[in-house]
Amino acid sequence: MSPFGIAVLAVSMSVDAFAVSVGRGAAIGRPRVSEALRTGVVFGVIEALTPVLGWAAGVAASQYVAVVDHWIAFLLLAGVGVHMLWSAVRGGGSEDRNRGHSFIVLVATAIGTSLDAMAVGVSLAFLEVNIVTIAAAIGLATFLMSSGGILLGRLIGARLGRTAEMLAGVALCGLGMFILLEHLGVIA
């Protein structure tokens, strides 16, 4: 996967955390930097671990599905992308998931927003990629976006979080389509 593809994937996987963080920052009112960093670390670590778990599960199953691996990657990425679009259009989704301040609620929310990264990790098992590099990029992007989202929450509100989630959904659908077309030989 190219550096550009990794960057698109990392940002796309981080948008749910960003949307939640924007909502959380808006709900807190005047979040401190320590709250932003705590949120960023929790979301970043969990978001970095889940694609590795998905990748490991995909590697275990890859020998059985090698003939259709590009279709699986496409369906998983497009499915996650469509789900993100639906959630953003429907409203009241990601940004309303976390209104509390407790660490347990924060971890539970981070796990909930990272399940899409696990599904993407499964699809990555069928491609020749460096999962450590991708997981680190996803974790770093999530840390930066969720920390920033907390601090920006009171300024930009939930509306931008939904728009970003919609753009990430479109990007994931496009990435899935690119993988499919590349494996079918349409794109060289």
Protein backbone atom coordinates (compact mmCIF):
# COMPACT_ATOMS: atom_id res chain seq x y z
CA MET A 1 0.00 0.00 0.00
CA SER A 2 1.35 3.42 -0.94
CA PRO A 3 2.08 6.10 1.67
CA PHE A 4 -0.90 8.06 0.30
CA GLY A 5 -3.15 5.00 0.70
CA ILE A 6 -1.92 4.50 4.26
CA ALA A 7 -2.59 8.17 5.04
CA VAL A 8 -6.12 7.99 3.60
CA LEU A 9 -6.81 4.81 5.55
CA ALA A 10 -5.39 6.24 8.79
CA VAL A 11 -7.43 9.43 8.57
CA SER A 12 -10.57 7.53 7.54
CA MET A 13 -10.27 5.17 10.48
CA SER A 14 -9.78 8.13 12.83
CA VAL A 15 -12.87 10.09 11.87
CA ASP A 16 -15.23 8.22 14.19
CA ALA A 17 -12.94 9.06 17.10
CA PHE A 18 -12.74 12.66 15.90
CA ALA A 19 -16.54 12.94 15.71
CA VAL A 20 -16.92 11.49 19.21
CA SER A 21 -14.22 13.82 20.50
CA VAL A 22 -15.86 16.88 18.97
CA GLY A 23 -19.11 15.92 20.68
CA ARG A 24 -17.31 15.19 23.91
CA GLY A 25 -15.48 18.53 23.76
CA ALA A 26 -18.76 20.34 23.09
CA ALA A 27 -20.40 18.53 26.01
CA ILE A 28 -17.54 19.29 28.41
CA GLY A 29 -17.66 22.96 27.51
CA ARG A 30 -14.15 24.03 28.41
CA PRO A 31 -11.99 20.91 28.11
CA ARG A 32 -8.47 20.99 29.53
CA VAL A 33 -5.44 19.88 27.54
CA SER A 34 -5.03 16.92 29.93
CA GLU A 35 -8.55 15.72 29.01
CA ALA A 36 -7.74 16.06 25.32
CA LEU A 37 -4.49 14.10 25.69
CA ARG A 38 -6.13 11.39 27.78
CA THR A 39 -8.83 10.97 25.16
CA GLY A 40 -6.23 10.94 22.37
CA VAL A 41 -4.09 8.29 24.04
CA VAL A 42 -7.02 5.97 24.81
CA PHE A 43 -8.54 6.29 21.35
CA GLY A 44 -5.15 6.08 19.60
CA VAL A 45 -3.97 2.94 21.39
CA ILE A 46 -7.24 1.08 20.93
CA GLU A 47 -7.58 2.19 17.31
CA ALA A 48 -4.02 0.95 16.62
CA LEU A 49 -4.62 -2.46 18.22
CA THR A 50 -7.90 -3.37 16.52
CA PRO A 51 -6.64 -3.53 12.91
CA VAL A 52 -3.80 -5.80 14.11
CA LEU A 53 -6.36 -8.12 15.71
CA GLY A 54 -8.44 -8.10 12.53
CA TRP A 55 -5.34 -8.66 10.41
CA ALA A 56 -4.34 -11.68 12.53
CA ALA A 57 -7.80 -13.19 12.09
CA GLY A 58 -7.63 -12.51 8.35
CA VAL A 59 -4.18 -14.09 8.01
CA ALA A 60 -5.48 -17.22 9.73
CA ALA A 61 -8.29 -17.47 7.17
CA SER A 62 -6.41 -16.17 4.11
CA GLN A 63 -5.38 -19.53 2.71
CA TYR A 64 -9.04 -20.52 2.45
CA VAL A 65 -10.19 -17.41 0.63
CA ALA A 66 -7.21 -16.40 -1.53
CA VAL A 67 -9.27 -16.64 -4.74
CA VAL A 68 -11.76 -14.00 -3.61
CA ASP A 69 -9.58 -11.92 -1.30
CA HIS A 70 -9.93 -8.73 -3.35
CA TRP A 71 -13.72 -9.03 -3.19
CA ILE A 72 -13.56 -9.48 0.58
CA ALA A 73 -11.32 -6.42 0.94
CA PHE A 74 -13.68 -4.40 -1.28
CA LEU A 75 -16.84 -5.52 0.56
CA LEU A 76 -15.37 -4.87 4.01
CA LEU A 77 -13.97 -1.44 3.16
CA ALA A 78 -17.07 -0.42 1.23
CA GLY A 79 -19.29 -1.78 4.00
CA VAL A 80 -17.47 0.23 6.64
CA GLY A 81 -17.57 3.28 4.36
CA VAL A 82 -21.31 2.97 3.73
CA HIS A 83 -21.90 2.48 7.46
CA MET A 84 -19.95 5.67 8.21
CA LEU A 85 -21.96 7.54 5.57
CA TRP A 86 -25.23 6.22 6.96
CA SER A 87 -24.27 7.13 10.52
CA ALA A 88 -23.27 10.65 9.48
CA VAL A 89 -26.41 11.25 7.40
CA ARG A 90 -28.67 9.77 10.06
CA GLY A 91 -27.17 12.11 12.66
CA GLY A 92 -27.05 11.66 16.39
CA GLY A 93 -24.52 8.88 15.94
CA SER A 94 -20.84 9.09 16.72
CA GLU A 95 -20.83 12.48 18.34
CA ASP A 96 -23.54 11.53 20.84
CA ARG A 97 -21.97 8.26 21.98
CA ASN A 98 -19.91 9.71 24.76
CA ARG A 99 -21.21 12.41 27.05
CA GLY A 100 -19.67 11.10 30.27
CA HIS A 101 -16.23 11.74 31.71
CA SER A 102 -15.39 8.35 33.21
CA PHE A 103 -12.43 6.32 31.99
CA ILE A 104 -14.60 3.22 31.52
CA VAL A 105 -17.02 5.14 29.30
CA LEU A 106 -14.06 6.54 27.36
CA VAL A 107 -12.57 3.05 26.79
CA ALA A 108 -15.95 1.59 25.83
CA THR A 109 -16.49 4.39 23.34
CA ALA A 110 -12.99 3.92 21.91
CA ILE A 111 -13.69 0.21 21.40
CA GLY A 112 -17.02 0.99 19.76
CA THR A 113 -15.46 3.44 17.32
CA SER A 114 -12.57 1.09 16.51
CA LEU A 115 -14.58 -1.93 15.38
CA ASP A 116 -14.48 -0.62 11.83
CA ALA A 117 -10.67 -0.66 12.05
CA MET A 118 -10.84 -4.33 13.00
CA ALA A 119 -12.90 -5.07 9.89
CA VAL A 120 -10.40 -3.13 7.80
CA GLY A 121 -7.60 -5.13 9.45
CA VAL A 122 -9.26 -8.33 8.22
CA SER A 123 -9.28 -6.96 4.67
CA LEU A 124 -5.62 -5.94 4.96
CA ALA A 125 -4.67 -9.55 5.68
CA PHE A 126 -5.45 -10.35 2.06
CA LEU A 127 -3.08 -7.68 0.76
CA GLU A 128 0.68 -7.47 0.98
CA VAL A 129 0.96 -4.72 3.57
CA ASN A 130 3.04 -3.92 6.63
CA ILE A 131 0.37 -4.06 9.33
CA VAL A 132 2.65 -2.50 11.96
CA THR A 133 3.18 0.61 9.83
CA ILE A 134 -0.53 0.87 9.06
CA ALA A 135 -1.56 0.30 12.70
CA ALA A 136 0.95 2.93 13.88
CA ALA A 137 -0.37 5.41 11.29
CA ILE A 138 -3.95 4.75 12.36
CA GLY A 139 -3.04 5.11 16.05
CA LEU A 140 -1.13 8.36 15.48
CA ALA A 141 -3.85 9.85 13.30
CA THR A 142 -6.48 8.87 15.87
CA PHE A 143 -4.45 10.37 18.72
CA LEU A 144 -4.04 13.66 16.88
CA MET A 145 -7.61 13.87 15.61
CA SER A 146 -9.31 12.90 18.86
CA SER A 147 -7.09 15.17 20.98
CA GLY A 148 -7.75 18.01 18.58
CA GLY A 149 -11.43 17.13 18.41
CA ILE A 150 -11.80 17.56 22.17
CA LEU A 151 -10.24 21.02 22.03
CA LEU A 152 -12.17 22.05 18.92
CA GLY A 153 -15.49 20.65 20.13
CA ARG A 154 -16.71 23.80 21.75
CA LEU A 155 -15.82 25.85 18.67
CA ILE A 156 -17.07 23.74 15.78
CA GLY A 157 -19.73 21.57 17.35
CA ALA A 158 -21.12 18.31 16.03
CA ARG A 159 -21.85 19.48 12.47
CA LEU A 160 -18.25 19.31 11.25
CA GLY A 161 -17.82 15.91 12.91
CA ARG A 162 -20.66 14.52 10.76
CA THR A 163 -19.22 16.09 7.60
CA ALA A 164 -15.80 14.57 8.31
CA GLU A 165 -17.41 11.18 8.94
CA MET A 166 -19.19 11.42 5.58
CA LEU A 167 -15.93 12.25 3.78
CA ALA A 168 -14.18 9.33 5.48
CA GLY A 169 -16.97 6.99 4.40
CA VAL A 170 -16.58 8.10 0.80
CA ALA A 171 -12.78 7.68 1.05
CA LEU A 172 -13.12 4.11 2.37
CA CYS A 173 -15.57 3.19 -0.39
CA GLY A 174 -13.12 4.64 -2.91
CA LEU A 175 -10.18 2.75 -1.41
CA GLY A 176 -12.15 -0.49 -1.54
CA MET A 177 -13.08 0.17 -5.17
CA PHE A 178 -9.45 0.92 -6.01
CA ILE A 179 -8.30 -2.39 -4.47
CA LEU A 180 -10.97 -4.30 -6.38
CA LEU A 181 -10.19 -2.63 -9.71
CA GLU A 182 -6.45 -3.10 -9.19
CA HIS A 183 -6.86 -6.84 -8.55
CA LEU A 184 -9.21 -7.23 -11.50
CA GLY A 185 -6.57 -5.64 -13.73
CA VAL A 186 -8.63 -2.56 -14.61
CA ILE A 187 -6.03 -0.31 -12.93
CA ALA A 188 -2.38 -1.10 -13.47
